[in-house]
Amino acid sequence: MTKHPLKPGDEVEWSSHGSTTHGEVKEEITTEKQAAGRKVKASEEEPQYRVESAKSGRDAVHKPEALKKRS
């Protein structure tokens, strides 16, 4: 189990180009793989999250500390 409490389906927000955007966690990434158009270096100890922007519908990958769960 990972240290961070995010899971697919969670609504989150993050900073993007000087503003805040929000969207949905689509995937927890715990291995090295291609996602959102780039190579993601993640592990069980240091997961990353693929999120989909609610505004643009585009995917992005963020480290847990960059994401804030929306209430």
Protein backbone atom coordinates (compact mmCIF):
# COMPACT_ATOMS: atom_id res chain seq x y z
CA MET A 1 0.00 0.00 0.00
CA THR A 2 1.24 3.49 -0.77
CA LYS A 3 1.76 6.36 1.64
CA HIS A 4 -0.57 8.72 -0.16
CA PRO A 5 -4.34 8.44 0.22
CA LEU A 6 -5.36 9.20 -3.38
CA LYS A 7 -7.15 6.65 -5.54
CA PRO A 8 -8.80 6.59 -8.97
CA GLY A 9 -12.03 8.58 -8.95
CA ASP A 10 -10.85 11.14 -6.37
CA GLU A 11 -11.40 14.79 -7.28
CA VAL A 12 -8.18 16.81 -6.88
CA GLU A 13 -6.77 20.26 -7.67
CA TRP A 14 -3.27 21.41 -8.62
CA SER A 15 -1.35 24.46 -9.77
CA SER A 16 -0.99 24.86 -13.52
CA HIS A 17 0.68 27.79 -15.23
CA GLY A 18 0.00 30.23 -12.38
CA SER A 19 -3.60 29.20 -11.71
CA THR A 20 -5.40 26.34 -10.00
CA THR A 21 -7.11 23.64 -12.00
CA HIS A 22 -9.01 20.55 -10.98
CA GLY A 23 -9.86 17.13 -12.27
CA GLU A 24 -10.05 13.45 -11.46
CA VAL A 25 -7.39 10.90 -10.53
CA LYS A 26 -7.46 8.27 -13.27
CA GLU A 27 -4.55 6.05 -12.27
CA GLU A 28 -1.95 5.53 -9.57
CA ILE A 29 1.40 4.83 -11.24
CA THR A 30 3.86 2.68 -9.29
CA THR A 31 6.20 1.53 -12.07
CA GLU A 32 8.24 3.22 -14.77
CA LYS A 33 5.99 3.71 -17.83
CA GLN A 34 4.80 6.11 -20.52
CA ALA A 35 1.87 8.29 -19.46
CA ALA A 36 0.53 11.69 -20.53
CA GLY A 37 3.09 11.83 -23.32
CA ARG A 38 6.20 11.35 -21.19
CA LYS A 39 8.25 8.74 -19.37
CA VAL A 40 7.15 8.56 -15.72
CA LYS A 41 9.66 7.26 -13.16
CA ALA A 42 7.46 6.04 -10.32
CA SER A 43 7.67 3.24 -7.76
CA GLU A 44 5.64 1.75 -4.90
CA GLU A 45 7.61 4.02 -2.53
CA GLU A 46 7.23 7.10 -4.75
CA PRO A 47 3.98 6.84 -6.74
CA GLN A 48 2.71 9.39 -9.22
CA TYR A 49 -0.84 10.02 -10.35
CA ARG A 50 -2.34 10.39 -13.83
CA VAL A 51 -5.09 12.99 -13.63
CA GLU A 52 -7.58 14.26 -16.21
CA SER A 53 -8.31 17.98 -16.27
CA ALA A 54 -12.02 18.79 -15.89
CA LYS A 55 -11.57 21.86 -18.10
CA SER A 56 -9.48 20.56 -21.00
CA GLY A 57 -9.91 16.79 -20.72
CA ARG A 58 -6.15 16.39 -21.10
CA ASP A 59 -4.04 14.01 -19.03
CA ALA A 60 -1.19 15.06 -16.78
CA VAL A 61 0.99 13.21 -14.29
CA HIS A 62 1.78 14.66 -10.87
CA LYS A 63 3.60 13.66 -7.72
CA PRO A 64 1.35 13.30 -4.65
CA GLU A 65 2.61 16.49 -3.02
CA ALA A 66 1.41 18.52 -6.05
CA LEU A 67 -2.19 17.33 -5.65
CA LYS A 68 -4.77 18.44 -3.10
CA LYS A 69 -7.92 16.38 -2.56
CA ARG A 70 -11.08 18.45 -3.10
CA SER A 71 -13.77 18.33 -0.43
